Structures are given as structure tokens and as C-alpha cells.
Amino acid sequence: MELMTKEEQFALAGRTTVMLGVHGNGLTHQLWMDPTPFSTVIEIFIDQGLNYDYALPAQVLGHKHYALWSDGAGKVDVLDTVRDHPPINWPDEFHGTNIRVDGPTVVNVIEERLQGWRASV
């Protein structure tokens, strides 16, 4: 996105069904996503970190929001923030660059959310 104009960024977000990103301002682009039964925002956090900055807009806009993090020891948590509401937590390095991502978990969440999508289009 950083190499695109703002107009290009908005156009891309407007064609997006699943937005995935590390906690940060880029997730604000969900404002241009169409709300559908499949629209999803997956927010990746540092271990034990959690904030609702992008979960709340997702809920208002009609997108399903998931918080996702991995502790680096094989434990991966996926949190449906509309259903589950643990407390906000800002550990050291909350905005750091050492954020682990478990690829298979990301794929599973996306596949789960898009089940039935092809039949609906």
C-alpha cells in the first residue's frame, strides 16, 4: 500500500473481502470495504497484546473482526472480538516489529470465513 496513491489504496480496499494486517493504521482502510456476510478484518497482535481500535469500527461497519497472535511456542489464539471481550493489554513492544504470525492459522480463519462465498456470487 505504501507504494500506491491514496485513491489506489481506497479502490483496492473497496474490492477487498478479507483484510489482514498487523495492528496499525492500515486497518483503517476497512472503511472502504463493502459489508457482506463474508467481510472480515483479521488483526495480528504481538504476544498477549490486544486493543479494540479496529475491532469497533469493524463491528459498526458490518465486518467480522478477529484478533490473532502466536506465542512462538506453537500456541496460536484466534479471538472473535464481537463475541469475546478480554481486557485491553499493551505489553512492551506493542508497536514493535517482532510480531509472530502462524500462516496455517491465518489460512484456516480465511477459509472458514469464506465458506459458501463462491456459491453466493
PDB file of N, CA and C in Angstrom:
ATOM      1  N   MET A   1       0.810  -1.201   0.000  1.00  0.00           N
ATOM      2  CA  MET A   1       0.000   0.000   0.000  1.00  0.00           C
ATOM      3  C   MET A   1       0.857   1.270   0.000  1.00  0.00           C
ATOM      4  N   GLU A   2       2.016   1.195   0.623  1.00  0.00           N
ATOM      5  CA  GLU A   2       2.827   2.407   0.740  1.00  0.00           C
ATOM      6  C   GLU A   2       3.313   2.915  -0.617  1.00  0.00           C
ATOM      7  N   LEU A   3       3.266   2.082  -1.631  1.00  0.00           N
ATOM      8  CA  LEU A   3       3.692   2.495  -2.966  1.00  0.00           C
ATOM      9  C   LEU A   3       2.518   2.944  -3.835  1.00  0.00           C
ATOM     10  N   MET A   4       1.324   2.932  -3.280  1.00  0.00           N
ATOM     11  CA  MET A   4       0.120   3.294  -4.029  1.00  0.00           C
ATOM     12  C   MET A   4      -0.354   4.691  -3.643  1.00  0.00           C
ATOM     13  N   THR A   5      -1.059   5.342  -4.561  1.00  0.00           N
ATOM     14  CA  THR A   5      -1.686   6.615  -4.221  1.00  0.00           C
ATOM     15  C   THR A   5      -2.854   6.327  -3.275  1.00  0.00           C
ATOM     16  N   LYS A   6      -3.326   7.342  -2.602  1.00  0.00           N
ATOM     17  CA  LYS A   6      -4.480   7.169  -1.706  1.00  0.00           C
ATOM     18  C   LYS A   6      -5.685   6.642  -2.481  1.00  0.00           C
ATOM     19  N   GLU A   7      -5.899   7.168  -3.679  1.00  0.00           N
ATOM     20  CA  GLU A   7      -7.031   6.722  -4.497  1.00  0.00           C
ATOM     21  C   GLU A   7      -6.916   5.231  -4.833  1.00  0.00           C
ATOM     22  N   GLU A   8      -5.695   4.794  -5.165  1.00  0.00           N
ATOM     23  CA  GLU A   8      -5.470   3.377  -5.461  1.00  0.00           C
ATOM     24  C   GLU A   8      -5.694   2.516  -4.213  1.00  0.00           C
ATOM     25  N   GLN A   9      -5.261   3.022  -3.077  1.00  0.00           N
ATOM     26  CA  GLN A   9      -5.472   2.302  -1.828  1.00  0.00           C
ATOM     27  C   GLN A   9      -6.961   2.140  -1.533  1.00  0.00           C
ATOM     28  N   PHE A  10      -7.725   3.217  -1.674  1.00  0.00           N
ATOM     29  CA  PHE A  10      -9.161   3.157  -1.395  1.00  0.00           C
ATOM     30  C   PHE A  10      -9.863   2.212  -2.365  1.00  0.00           C
ATOM     31  N   ALA A  11      -9.456   2.250  -3.634  1.00  0.00           N
ATOM     32  CA  ALA A  11     -10.074   1.379  -4.641  1.00  0.00           C
ATOM     33  C   ALA A  11      -9.786  -0.091  -4.317  1.00  0.00           C
ATOM     34  N   LEU A  12      -8.556  -0.394  -3.927  1.00  0.00           N
ATOM     35  CA  LEU A  12      -8.212  -1.762  -3.573  1.00  0.00           C
ATOM     36  C   LEU A  12      -8.996  -2.222  -2.348  1.00  0.00           C
ATOM     37  N   ALA A  13      -9.052  -1.388  -1.327  1.00  0.00           N
ATOM     38  CA  ALA A  13      -9.808  -1.740  -0.125  1.00  0.00           C
ATOM     39  C   ALA A  13     -11.282  -1.952  -0.452  1.00  0.00           C
ATOM     40  N   GLY A  14     -11.801  -1.178  -1.385  1.00  0.00           N
ATOM     41  CA  GLY A  14     -13.205  -1.316  -1.778  1.00  0.00           C
ATOM     42  C   GLY A  14     -13.500  -2.620  -2.483  1.00  0.00           C
ATOM     43  N   ARG A  15     -12.479  -3.300  -2.995  1.00  0.00           N
ATOM     44  CA  ARG A  15     -12.658  -4.603  -3.658  1.00  0.00           C
ATOM     45  C   ARG A  15     -12.264  -5.759  -2.743  1.00  0.00           C
ATOM     46  N   THR A  16     -11.991  -5.462  -1.479  1.00  0.00           N
ATOM     47  CA  THR A  16     -11.475  -6.456  -0.540  1.00  0.00           C
ATOM     48  C   THR A  16     -12.596  -7.095   0.259  1.00  0.00           C
ATOM     49  N   THR A  17     -12.502  -8.402   0.430  1.00  0.00           N
ATOM     50  CA  THR A  17     -13.441  -9.123   1.291  1.00  0.00           C
ATOM     51  C   THR A  17     -12.796  -9.460   2.627  1.00  0.00           C
ATOM     52  N   VAL A  18     -11.511  -9.832   2.600  1.00  0.00           N
ATOM     53  CA  VAL A  18     -10.773 -10.144   3.823  1.00  0.00           C
ATOM     54  C   VAL A  18      -9.573  -9.210   3.904  1.00  0.00           C
ATOM     55  N   MET A  19      -9.518  -8.421   4.966  1.00  0.00           N
ATOM     56  CA  MET A  19      -8.385  -7.532   5.196  1.00  0.00           C
ATOM     57  C   MET A  19      -7.568  -8.118   6.343  1.00  0.00           C
ATOM     58  N   LEU A  20      -6.283  -8.289   6.107  1.00  0.00           N
ATOM     59  CA  LEU A  20      -5.390  -8.902   7.066  1.00  0.00           C
ATOM     60  C   LEU A  20      -4.219  -7.966   7.291  1.00  0.00           C
ATOM     61  N   GLY A  21      -3.892  -7.727   8.551  1.00  0.00           N
ATOM     62  CA  GLY A  21      -2.741  -6.879   8.817  1.00  0.00           C
ATOM     63  C   GLY A  21      -2.353  -6.872  10.273  1.00  0.00           C
ATOM     64  N   VAL A  22      -1.122  -6.455  10.507  1.00  0.00           N
ATOM     65  CA  VAL A  22      -0.644  -6.245  11.862  1.00  0.00           C
ATOM     66  C   VAL A  22      -1.344  -5.008  12.401  1.00  0.00           C
ATOM     67  N   HIS A  23      -1.628  -4.986  13.698  1.00  0.00           N
ATOM     68  CA  HIS A  23      -2.276  -3.831  14.323  1.00  0.00           C
ATOM     69  C   HIS A  23      -1.605  -2.545  13.861  1.00  0.00           C
ATOM     70  N   GLY A  24      -2.393  -1.667  13.281  1.00  0.00           N
ATOM     71  CA  GLY A  24      -1.854  -0.397  12.803  1.00  0.00           C
ATOM     72  C   GLY A  24      -2.853   0.335  11.939  1.00  0.00           C
ATOM     73  N   ASN A  25      -2.504   1.573  11.588  1.00  0.00           N
ATOM     74  CA  ASN A  25      -3.427   2.454  10.873  1.00  0.00           C
ATOM     75  C   ASN A  25      -3.880   1.935   9.522  1.00  0.00           C
ATOM     76  N   GLY A  26      -3.128   1.016   8.907  1.00  0.00           N
ATOM     77  CA  GLY A  26      -3.546   0.468   7.625  1.00  0.00           C
ATOM     78  C   GLY A  26      -4.899  -0.219   7.695  1.00  0.00           C
ATOM     79  N   LEU A  27      -5.265  -0.710   8.877  1.00  0.00           N
ATOM     80  CA  LEU A  27      -6.556  -1.388   9.020  1.00  0.00           C
ATOM     81  C   LEU A  27      -7.733  -0.413   8.959  1.00  0.00           C
ATOM     82  N   THR A  28      -7.436   0.874   8.986  1.00  0.00           N
ATOM     83  CA  THR A  28      -8.488   1.879   8.808  1.00  0.00           C
ATOM     84  C   THR A  28      -9.097   1.781   7.413  1.00  0.00           C
ATOM     85  N   HIS A  29      -8.378   1.205   6.478  1.00  0.00           N
ATOM     86  CA  HIS A  29      -8.895   1.052   5.114  1.00  0.00           C
ATOM     87  C   HIS A  29     -10.158   0.194   5.061  1.00  0.00           C
ATOM     88  N   GLN A  30     -10.485  -0.486   6.157  1.00  0.00           N
ATOM     89  CA  GLN A  30     -11.735  -1.240   6.191  1.00  0.00           C
ATOM     90  C   GLN A  30     -12.950  -0.333   5.985  1.00  0.00           C
ATOM     91  N   LEU A  31     -12.768   0.960   6.150  1.00  0.00           N
ATOM     92  CA  LEU A  31     -13.861   1.909   5.915  1.00  0.00           C
ATOM     93  C   LEU A  31     -14.396   1.820   4.490  1.00  0.00           C
ATOM     94  N   TRP A  32     -13.562   1.378   3.547  1.00  0.00           N
ATOM     95  CA  TRP A  32     -13.970   1.311   2.148  1.00  0.00           C
ATOM     96  C   TRP A  32     -14.421  -0.084   1.726  1.00  0.00           C
ATOM     97  N   MET A  33     -14.372  -1.043   2.641  1.00  0.00           N
ATOM     98  CA  MET A  33     -14.836  -2.396   2.336  1.00  0.00           C
ATOM     99  C   MET A  33     -16.367  -2.436   2.356  1.00  0.00           C
ATOM    100  N   ASP A  34     -16.949  -3.153   1.411  1.00  0.00           N
ATOM    101  CA  ASP A  34     -18.389  -3.361   1.451  1.00  0.00           C
ATOM    102  C   ASP A  34     -18.715  -4.361   2.549  1.00  0.00           C
ATOM    103  N   PRO A  35     -19.732  -4.062   3.366  1.00  0.00           N
ATOM    104  CA  PRO A  35     -20.140  -5.050   4.359  1.00  0.00           C
ATOM    105  C   PRO A  35     -20.902  -6.181   3.656  1.00  0.00           C
ATOM    106  N   THR A  36     -20.458  -7.393   3.873  1.00  0.00           N
ATOM    107  CA  THR A  36     -21.100  -8.571   3.314  1.00  0.00           C
ATOM    108  C   THR A  36     -21.131  -9.644   4.401  1.00  0.00           C
ATOM    109  N   PRO A  37     -21.835 -10.730   4.173  1.00  0.00           N
ATOM    110  CA  PRO A  37     -21.781 -11.825   5.160  1.00  0.00           C
ATOM    111  C   PRO A  37     -20.382 -12.398   5.330  1.00  0.00           C
ATOM    112  N   PHE A  38     -19.466 -12.079   4.396  1.00  0.00           N
ATOM    113  CA  PHE A  38     -18.124 -12.640   4.433  1.00  0.00           C
ATOM    114  C   PHE A  38     -17.044 -11.617   4.768  1.00  0.00           C
ATOM    115  N   SER A  39     -17.361 -10.344   4.820  1.00  0.00           N
ATOM    116  CA  SER A  39     -16.328  -9.321   5.043  1.00  0.00           C
ATOM    117  C   SER A  39     -15.693  -9.520   6.425  1.00  0.00           C
ATOM    118  N   THR A  40     -14.357  -9.531   6.413  1.00  0.00           N
ATOM    119  CA  THR A  40     -13.602  -9.920   7.600  1.00  0.00           C
ATOM    120  C   THR A  40     -12.355  -9.057   7.739  1.00  0.00           C
ATOM    121  N   VAL A  41     -12.062  -8.666   8.964  1.00  0.00           N
ATOM    122  CA  VAL A  41     -10.811  -7.983   9.293  1.00  0.00           C
ATOM    123  C   VAL A  41     -10.072  -8.883  10.277  1.00  0.00           C
ATOM    124  N   ILE A  42      -8.860  -9.296   9.900  1.00  0.00           N
ATOM    125  CA  ILE A  42      -8.025 -10.126  10.763  1.00  0.00           C
ATOM    126  C   ILE A  42      -6.842  -9.266  11.201  1.00  0.00           C
ATOM    127  N   GLU A  43      -6.774  -9.029  12.496  1.00  0.00           N
ATOM    128  CA  GLU A  43      -5.750  -8.144  13.058  1.00  0.00           C
ATOM    129  C   GLU A  43      -4.744  -8.976  13.844  1.00  0.00           C
ATOM    130  N   ILE A  44      -3.478  -8.845  13.493  1.00  0.00           N
ATOM    131  CA  ILE A  44      -2.415  -9.618  14.129  1.00  0.00           C
ATOM    132  C   ILE A  44      -1.757  -8.754  15.203  1.00  0.00           C
ATOM    133  N   PHE A  45      -1.614  -9.334  16.395  1.00  0.00           N
ATOM    134  CA  PHE A  45      -1.026  -8.633  17.538  1.00  0.00           C
ATOM    135  C   PHE A  45       0.249  -9.313  18.006  1.00  0.00           C
ATOM    136  N   ILE A  46       1.067  -8.544  18.725  1.00  0.00           N
ATOM    137  CA  ILE A  46       2.202  -9.124  19.422  1.00  0.00           C
ATOM    138  C   ILE A  46       1.656 -10.011  20.539  1.00  0.00           C
ATOM    139  N   ASP A  47       2.448 -10.979  20.981  1.00  0.00           N
ATOM    140  CA  ASP A  47       2.023 -11.906  22.035  1.00  0.00           C
ATOM    141  C   ASP A  47       1.374 -11.167  23.194  1.00  0.00           C
ATOM    142  N   GLN A  48       0.204 -11.619  23.567  1.00  0.00           N
ATOM    143  CA  GLN A  48      -0.561 -11.099  24.702  1.00  0.00           C
ATOM    144  C   GLN A  48      -1.120  -9.695  24.490  1.00  0.00           C
ATOM    145  N   GLY A  49      -0.851  -9.066  23.361  1.00  0.00           N
ATOM    146  CA  GLY A  49      -1.347  -7.716  23.105  1.00  0.00           C
ATOM    147  C   GLY A  49      -2.778  -7.746  22.596  1.00  0.00           C
ATOM    148  N   LEU A  50      -3.537  -6.746  22.958  1.00  0.00           N
ATOM    149  CA  LEU A  50      -4.914  -6.645  22.462  1.00  0.00           C
ATOM    150  C   LEU A  50      -5.411  -5.218  22.628  1.00  0.00           C
ATOM    151  N   ASN A  51      -6.052  -4.736  21.603  1.00  0.00           N
ATOM    152  CA  ASN A  51      -6.670  -3.419  21.608  1.00  0.00           C
ATOM    153  C   ASN A  51      -7.869  -3.510  20.675  1.00  0.00           C
ATOM    154  N   TYR A  52      -8.856  -2.671  20.870  1.00  0.00           N
ATOM    155  CA  TYR A  52     -10.075  -2.733  20.066  1.00  0.00           C
ATOM    156  C   TYR A  52     -10.187  -1.593  19.053  1.00  0.00           C
ATOM    157  N   ASP A  53      -9.061  -0.930  18.750  1.00  0.00           N
ATOM    158  CA  ASP A  53      -9.073   0.208  17.833  1.00  0.00           C
ATOM    159  C   ASP A  53      -9.731  -0.119  16.496  1.00  0.00           C
ATOM    160  N   TYR A  54      -9.518  -1.308  15.973  1.00  0.00           N
ATOM    161  CA  TYR A  54     -10.049  -1.656  14.651  1.00  0.00           C
ATOM    162  C   TYR A  54     -11.174  -2.672  14.740  1.00  0.00           C
ATOM    163  N   ALA A  55     -11.366  -3.271  15.906  1.00  0.00           N
ATOM    164  CA  ALA A  55     -12.492  -4.179  16.119  1.00  0.00           C
ATOM    165  C   ALA A  55     -13.801  -3.398  16.182  1.00  0.00           C
ATOM    166  N   LEU A  56     -13.784  -2.268  16.855  1.00  0.00           N
ATOM    167  CA  LEU A  56     -15.016  -1.486  16.995  1.00  0.00           C
ATOM    168  C   LEU A  56     -15.519  -0.954  15.660  1.00  0.00           C
ATOM    169  N   PRO A  57     -14.653  -0.357  14.819  1.00  0.00           N
ATOM    170  CA  PRO A  57     -15.147   0.053  13.504  1.00  0.00           C
ATOM    171  C   PRO A  57     -15.631  -1.137  12.675  1.00  0.00           C
ATOM    172  N   ALA A  58     -14.944  -2.272  12.783  1.00  0.00           N
ATOM    173  CA  ALA A  58     -15.377  -3.461  12.033  1.00  0.00           C
ATOM    174  C   ALA A  58     -16.795  -3.839  12.437  1.00  0.00           C
ATOM    175  N   GLN A  59     -17.069  -3.822  13.711  1.00  0.00           N
ATOM    176  CA  GLN A  59     -18.400  -4.184  14.186  1.00  0.00           C
ATOM    177  C   GLN A  59     -19.450  -3.201  13.663  1.00  0.00           C
ATOM    178  N   VAL A  60     -19.156  -1.921  13.741  1.00  0.00           N
ATOM    179  CA  VAL A  60     -20.091  -0.899  13.266  1.00  0.00           C
ATOM    180  C   VAL A  60     -20.309  -1.007  11.755  1.00  0.00           C
ATOM    181  N   LEU A  61     -19.245  -1.324  11.022  1.00  0.00           N
ATOM    182  CA  LEU A  61     -19.320  -1.389   9.564  1.00  0.00           C
ATOM    183  C   LEU A  61     -19.894  -2.703   9.039  1.00  0.00           C
ATOM    184  N   GLY A  62     -20.086  -3.672   9.911  1.00  0.00           N
ATOM    185  CA  GLY A  62     -20.654  -4.945   9.486  1.00  0.00           C
ATOM    186  C   GLY A  62     -19.639  -5.985   9.063  1.00  0.00           C
ATOM    187  N   HIS A  63     -18.385  -5.829   9.490  1.00  0.00           N
ATOM    188  CA  HIS A  63     -17.347  -6.813   9.196  1.00  0.00           C
ATOM    189  C   HIS A  63     -17.104  -7.665  10.434  1.00  0.00           C
ATOM    190  N   LYS A  64     -16.796  -8.922  10.243  1.00  0.00           N
ATOM    191  CA  LYS A  64     -16.374  -9.784  11.339  1.00  0.00           C
ATOM    192  C   LYS A  64     -14.914  -9.459  11.638  1.00  0.00           C
ATOM    193  N   HIS A  65     -14.561  -9.340  12.904  1.00  0.00           N
ATOM    194  CA  HIS A  65     -13.194  -8.998  13.300  1.00  0.00           C
ATOM    195  C   HIS A  65     -12.606 -10.118  14.135  1.00  0.00           C
ATOM    196  N   TYR A  66     -11.375 -10.503  13.787  1.00  0.00           N
ATOM    197  CA  TYR A  66     -10.633 -11.481  14.573  1.00  0.00           C
ATOM    198  C   TYR A  66      -9.317 -10.882  15.020  1.00  0.00           C
ATOM    199  N   ALA A  67      -8.958 -11.137  16.274  1.00  0.00           N
ATOM    200  CA  ALA A  67      -7.621 -10.842  16.779  1.00  0.00           C
ATOM    201  C   ALA A  67      -6.845 -12.148  16.706  1.00  0.00           C
ATOM    202  N   LEU A  68      -5.593 -12.069  16.289  1.00  0.00           N
ATOM    203  CA  LEU A  68      -4.799 -13.277  16.117  1.00  0.00           C
ATOM    204  C   LEU A  68      -3.404 -13.025  16.644  1.00  0.00           C
ATOM    205  N   TRP A  69      -2.869 -13.982  17.388  1.00  0.00           N
ATOM    206  CA  TRP A  69      -1.486 -13.891  17.820  1.00  0.00           C
ATOM    207  C   TRP A  69      -0.937 -15.281  18.094  1.00  0.00           C
ATOM    208  N   SER A  70       0.389 -15.389  18.053  1.00  0.00           N
ATOM    209  CA  SER A  70       1.093 -16.639  18.287  1.00  0.00           C
ATOM    210  C   SER A  70       2.202 -16.368  19.285  1.00  0.00           C
ATOM    211  N   ASP A  71       2.358 -17.276  20.242  1.00  0.00           N
ATOM    212  CA  ASP A  71       3.385 -17.050  21.260  1.00  0.00           C
ATOM    213  C   ASP A  71       4.766 -17.566  20.856  1.00  0.00           C
ATOM    214  N   GLY A  72       4.898 -18.072  19.634  1.00  0.00           N
ATOM    215  CA  GLY A  72       6.187 -18.552  19.163  1.00  0.00           C
ATOM    216  C   GLY A  72       6.525 -19.945  19.651  1.00  0.00           C
ATOM    217  N   ALA A  73       5.683 -20.510  20.512  1.00  0.00           N
ATOM    218  CA  ALA A  73       5.934 -21.853  21.036  1.00  0.00           C
ATOM    219  C   ALA A  73       4.872 -22.824  20.537  1.00  0.00           C
ATOM    220  N   GLY A  74       4.225 -22.480  19.449  1.00  0.00           N
ATOM    221  CA  GLY A  74       3.227 -23.366  18.873  1.00  0.00           C
ATOM    222  C   GLY A  74       1.811 -23.083  19.324  1.00  0.00           C
ATOM    223  N   LYS A  75       1.631 -22.185  20.277  1.00  0.00           N
ATOM    224  CA  LYS A  75       0.279 -21.850  20.737  1.00  0.00           C
ATOM    225  C   LYS A  75      -0.225 -20.660  19.938  1.00  0.00           C
ATOM    226  N   VAL A  76      -1.378 -20.836  19.307  1.00  0.00           N
ATOM    227  CA  VAL A  76      -1.971 -19.781  18.496  1.00  0.00           C
ATOM    228  C   VAL A  76      -3.380 -19.536  19.007  1.00  0.00           C
ATOM    229  N   ASP A  77      -3.729 -18.296  19.177  1.00  0.00           N
ATOM    230  CA  ASP A  77      -5.078 -17.939  19.602  1.00  0.00           C
ATOM    231  C   ASP A  77      -5.745 -17.100  18.531  1.00  0.00           C
ATOM    232  N   VAL A  78      -7.005 -17.389  18.281  1.00  0.00           N
ATOM    233  CA  VAL A  78      -7.831 -16.584  17.394  1.00  0.00           C
ATOM    234  C   VAL A  78      -9.024 -16.154  18.220  1.00  0.00           C
ATOM    235  N   LEU A  79      -9.269 -14.882  18.251  1.00  0.00           N
ATOM    236  CA  LEU A  79     -10.314 -14.326  19.097  1.00  0.00           C
ATOM    237  C   LEU A  79     -11.351 -13.629  18.237  1.00  0.00           C
ATOM    238  N   ASP A  80     -12.586 -14.047  18.360  1.00  0.00           N
ATOM    239  CA  ASP A  80     -13.694 -13.361  17.700  1.00  0.00           C
ATOM    240  C   ASP A  80     -14.078 -12.211  18.615  1.00  0.00           C
ATOM    241  N   THR A  81     -13.642 -11.000  18.292  1.00  0.00           N
ATOM    242  CA  THR A  81     -13.796  -9.886  19.227  1.00  0.00           C
ATOM    243  C   THR A  81     -15.232  -9.404  19.370  1.00  0.00           C
ATOM    244  N   VAL A  82     -16.114  -9.799  18.454  1.00  0.00           N
ATOM    245  CA  VAL A  82     -17.527  -9.435  18.631  1.00  0.00           C
ATOM    246  C   VAL A  82     -18.132 -10.289  19.738  1.00  0.00           C
ATOM    247  N   ARG A  83     -17.681 -11.512  19.846  1.00  0.00           N
ATOM    248  CA  ARG A  83     -18.232 -12.451  20.832  1.00  0.00           C
ATOM    249  C   ARG A  83     -17.462 -12.414  22.144  1.00  0.00           C
ATOM    250  N   ASP A  84     -16.137 -12.365  22.077  1.00  0.00           N
ATOM    251  CA  ASP A  84     -15.273 -12.432  23.262  1.00  0.00           C
ATOM    252  C   ASP A  84     -14.699 -11.046  23.545  1.00  0.00           C
ATOM    253  N   HIS A  85     -14.640 -10.686  24.822  1.00  0.00           N
ATOM    254  CA  HIS A  85     -14.180  -9.330  25.161  1.00  0.00           C
ATOM    255  C   HIS A  85     -13.158  -9.338  26.293  1.00  0.00           C
ATOM    256  N   PRO A  86     -11.961  -9.891  26.069  1.00  0.00           N
ATOM    257  CA  PRO A  86     -10.946  -9.800  27.120  1.00  0.00           C
ATOM    258  C   PRO A  86     -10.457  -8.362  27.262  1.00  0.00           C
ATOM    259  N   PRO A  87      -9.775  -8.080  28.351  1.00  0.00           N
ATOM    260  CA  PRO A  87      -9.319  -6.700  28.571  1.00  0.00           C
ATOM    261  C   PRO A  87      -8.215  -6.298  27.593  1.00  0.00           C
ATOM    262  N   ILE A  88      -8.152  -5.009  27.352  1.00  0.00           N
ATOM    263  CA  ILE A  88      -7.081  -4.441  26.530  1.00  0.00           C
ATOM    264  C   ILE A  88      -5.754  -4.690  27.230  1.00  0.00           C
ATOM    265  N   ASN A  89      -4.731  -4.984  26.456  1.00  0.00           N
ATOM    266  CA  ASN A  89      -3.406  -5.214  27.019  1.00  0.00           C
ATOM    267  C   ASN A  89      -2.355  -4.660  26.068  1.00  0.00           C
ATOM    268  N   TRP A  90      -1.501  -3.769  26.581  1.00  0.00           N
ATOM    269  CA  TRP A  90      -0.426  -3.158  25.797  1.00  0.00           C
ATOM    270  C   TRP A  90       0.919  -3.596  26.375  1.00  0.00           C
ATOM    271  N   PRO A  91       1.390  -4.805  26.069  1.00  0.00           N
ATOM    272  CA  PRO A  91       2.690  -5.215  26.590  1.00  0.00           C
ATOM    273  C   PRO A  91       3.818  -4.405  25.958  1.00  0.00           C
ATOM    274  N   ASP A  92       5.010  -4.522  26.547  1.00  0.00           N
ATOM    275  CA  ASP A  92       6.181  -3.884  25.932  1.00  0.00           C
ATOM    276  C   ASP A  92       6.267  -4.314  24.481  1.00  0.00           C
ATOM    277  N   GLU A  93       6.722  -3.422  23.648  1.00  0.00           N
ATOM    278  CA  GLU A  93       6.872  -3.687  22.212  1.00  0.00           C
ATOM    279  C   GLU A  93       5.534  -3.889  21.500  1.00  0.00           C
ATOM    280  N   PHE A  94       4.443  -3.360  22.053  1.00  0.00           N
ATOM    281  CA  PHE A  94       3.133  -3.498  21.423  1.00  0.00           C
ATOM    282  C   PHE A  94       3.168  -3.019  19.975  1.00  0.00           C
ATOM    283  N   HIS A  95       3.867  -1.926  19.730  1.00  0.00           N
ATOM    284  CA  HIS A  95       4.012  -1.403  18.373  1.00  0.00           C
ATOM    285  C   HIS A  95       5.371  -1.767  17.771  1.00  0.00           C
ATOM    286  N   GLY A  96       5.959  -2.843  18.253  1.00  0.00           N
ATOM    287  CA  GLY A  96       7.271  -3.258  17.785  1.00  0.00           C
ATOM    288  C   GLY A  96       7.225  -4.018  16.468  1.00  0.00           C
ATOM    289  N   THR A  97       8.349  -4.551  16.094  1.00  0.00           N
ATOM    290  CA  THR A  97       8.469  -5.258  14.813  1.00  0.00           C
ATOM    291  C   THR A  97       8.644  -6.754  14.981  1.00  0.00           C
ATOM    292  N   ASN A  98       8.645  -7.253  16.198  1.00  0.00           N
ATOM    293  CA  ASN A  98       8.836  -8.683  16.445  1.00  0.00           C
ATOM    294  C   ASN A  98       7.483  -9.346  16.698  1.00  0.00           C
ATOM    295  N   ILE A  99       6.678  -9.411  15.668  1.00  0.00           N
ATOM    296  CA  ILE A  99       5.330  -9.963  15.794  1.00  0.00           C
ATOM    297  C   ILE A  99       5.269 -11.251  14.993  1.00  0.00           C
ATOM    298  N   ARG A 100       4.966 -12.345  15.666  1.00  0.00           N
ATOM    299  CA  ARG A 100       4.927 -13.657  15.034  1.00  0.00           C
ATOM    300  C   ARG A 100       3.583 -13.878  14.339  1.00  0.00           C
ATOM    301  N   VAL A 101       3.633 -14.612  13.246  1.00  0.00           N
ATOM    302  CA  VAL A 101       2.423 -14.940  12.501  1.00  0.00           C
ATOM    303  C   VAL A 101       2.441 -16.437  12.217  1.00  0.00           C
ATOM    304  N   ASP A 102       1.338 -17.106  12.495  1.00  0.00           N
ATOM    305  CA  ASP A 102       1.215 -18.521  12.178  1.00  0.00           C
ATOM    306  C   ASP A 102       0.394 -18.651  10.897  1.00  0.00           C
ATOM    307  N   GLY A 103       1.093 -18.899   9.781  1.00  0.00           N
ATOM    308  CA  GLY A 103       0.458 -18.949   8.467  1.00  0.00           C
ATOM    309  C   GLY A 103      -0.709 -19.899   8.371  1.00  0.00           C
ATOM    310  N   PRO A 104      -0.578 -21.159   8.835  1.00  0.00           N
ATOM    311  CA  PRO A 104      -1.714 -22.079   8.734  1.00  0.00           C
ATOM    312  C   PRO A 104      -2.958 -21.594   9.475  1.00  0.00           C
ATOM    313  N   THR A 105      -2.767 -20.919  10.598  1.00  0.00           N
ATOM    314  CA  THR A 105      -3.926 -20.393  11.322  1.00  0.00           C
ATOM    315  C   THR A 105      -4.609 -19.297  10.521  1.00  0.00           C
ATOM    316  N   VAL A 106      -3.821 -18.419   9.914  1.00  0.00           N
ATOM    317  CA  VAL A 106      -4.394 -17.359   9.077  1.00  0.00           C
ATOM    318  C   VAL A 106      -5.208 -17.977   7.943  1.00  0.00           C
ATOM    319  N   VAL A 107      -4.646 -18.984   7.283  1.00  0.00           N
ATOM    320  CA  VAL A 107      -5.348 -19.650   6.184  1.00  0.00           C
ATOM    321  C   VAL A 107      -6.641 -20.276   6.684  1.00  0.00           C
ATOM    322  N   ASN A 108      -6.603 -20.932   7.840  1.00  0.00           N
ATOM    323  CA  ASN A 108      -7.813 -21.564   8.385  1.00  0.00           C
ATOM    324  C   ASN A 108      -8.913 -20.553   8.669  1.00  0.00           C
ATOM    325  N   VAL A 109      -8.554 -19.411   9.245  1.00  0.00           N
ATOM    326  CA  VAL A 109      -9.558 -18.380   9.540  1.00  0.00           C
ATOM    327  C   VAL A 109     -10.175 -17.871   8.237  1.00  0.00           C
ATOM    328  N   ILE A 110      -9.340 -17.606   7.239  1.00  0.00           N
ATOM    329  CA  ILE A 110      -9.851 -17.104   5.965  1.00  0.00           C
ATOM    330  C   ILE A 110     -10.741 -18.146   5.297  1.00  0.00           C
ATOM    331  N   GLU A 111     -10.300 -19.398   5.274  1.00  0.00           N
ATOM    332  CA  GLU A 111     -11.123 -20.442   4.662  1.00  0.00           C
ATOM    333  C   GLU A 111     -12.454 -20.593   5.377  1.00  0.00           C
ATOM    334  N   GLU A 112     -12.430 -20.558   6.703  1.00  0.00           N
ATOM    335  CA  GLU A 112     -13.663 -20.666   7.482  1.00  0.00           C
ATOM    336  C   GLU A 112     -14.629 -19.525   7.148  1.00  0.00           C
ATOM    337  N   ARG A 113     -14.093 -18.311   7.071  1.00  0.00           N
ATOM    338  CA  ARG A 113     -14.936 -17.143   6.797  1.00  0.00           C
ATOM    339  C   ARG A 113     -15.494 -17.159   5.379  1.00  0.00           C
ATOM    340  N   LEU A 114     -14.764 -17.719   4.422  1.00  0.00           N
ATOM    341  CA  LEU A 114     -15.200 -17.671   3.023  1.00  0.00           C
ATOM    342  C   LEU A 114     -15.994 -18.904   2.585  1.00  0.00           C
ATOM    343  N   GLN A 115     -16.236 -19.830   3.516  1.00  0.00           N
ATOM    344  CA  GLN A 115     -17.057 -20.988   3.152  1.00  0.00           C
ATOM    345  C   GLN A 115     -18.403 -20.505   2.649  1.00  0.00           C
ATOM    346  N   GLY A 116     -18.792 -20.975   1.504  1.00  0.00           N
ATOM    347  CA  GLY A 116     -20.063 -20.572   0.913  1.00  0.00           C
ATOM    348  C   GLY A 116     -19.995 -19.336   0.059  1.00  0.00           C
ATOM    349  N   TRP A 117     -18.829 -18.662   0.029  1.00  0.00           N
ATOM    350  CA  TRP A 117     -18.712 -17.420  -0.724  1.00  0.00           C
ATOM    351  C   TRP A 117     -18.903 -17.660  -2.215  1.00  0.00           C
ATOM    352  N   ARG A 118     -18.236 -18.656  -2.763  1.00  0.00           N
ATOM    353  CA  ARG A 118     -18.345 -18.916  -4.199  1.00  0.00           C
ATOM    354  C   ARG A 118     -19.787 -19.166  -4.615  1.00  0.00           C
ATOM    355  N   ALA A 119     -20.527 -19.861  -3.803  1.00  0.00           N
ATOM    356  CA  ALA A 119     -21.934 -20.152  -4.128  1.00  0.00           C
ATOM    357  C   ALA A 119     -22.795 -18.901  -4.093  1.00  0.00           C
ATOM    358  N   SER A 120     -22.329 -17.873  -3.359  1.00  0.00           N
ATOM    359  CA  SER A 120     -23.147 -16.659  -3.209  1.00  0.00           C
ATOM    360  C   SER A 120     -22.897 -15.643  -4.299  1.00  0.00           C
ATOM    361  N   VAL A 121     -21.810 -15.799  -5.088  1.00  0.00           N
ATOM    362  CA  VAL A 121     -21.510 -14.811  -6.136  1.00  0.00           C
ATOM    363  C   VAL A 121     -21.899 -15.298  -7.512  1.00  0.00           C
TER     364      VAL A 121
END
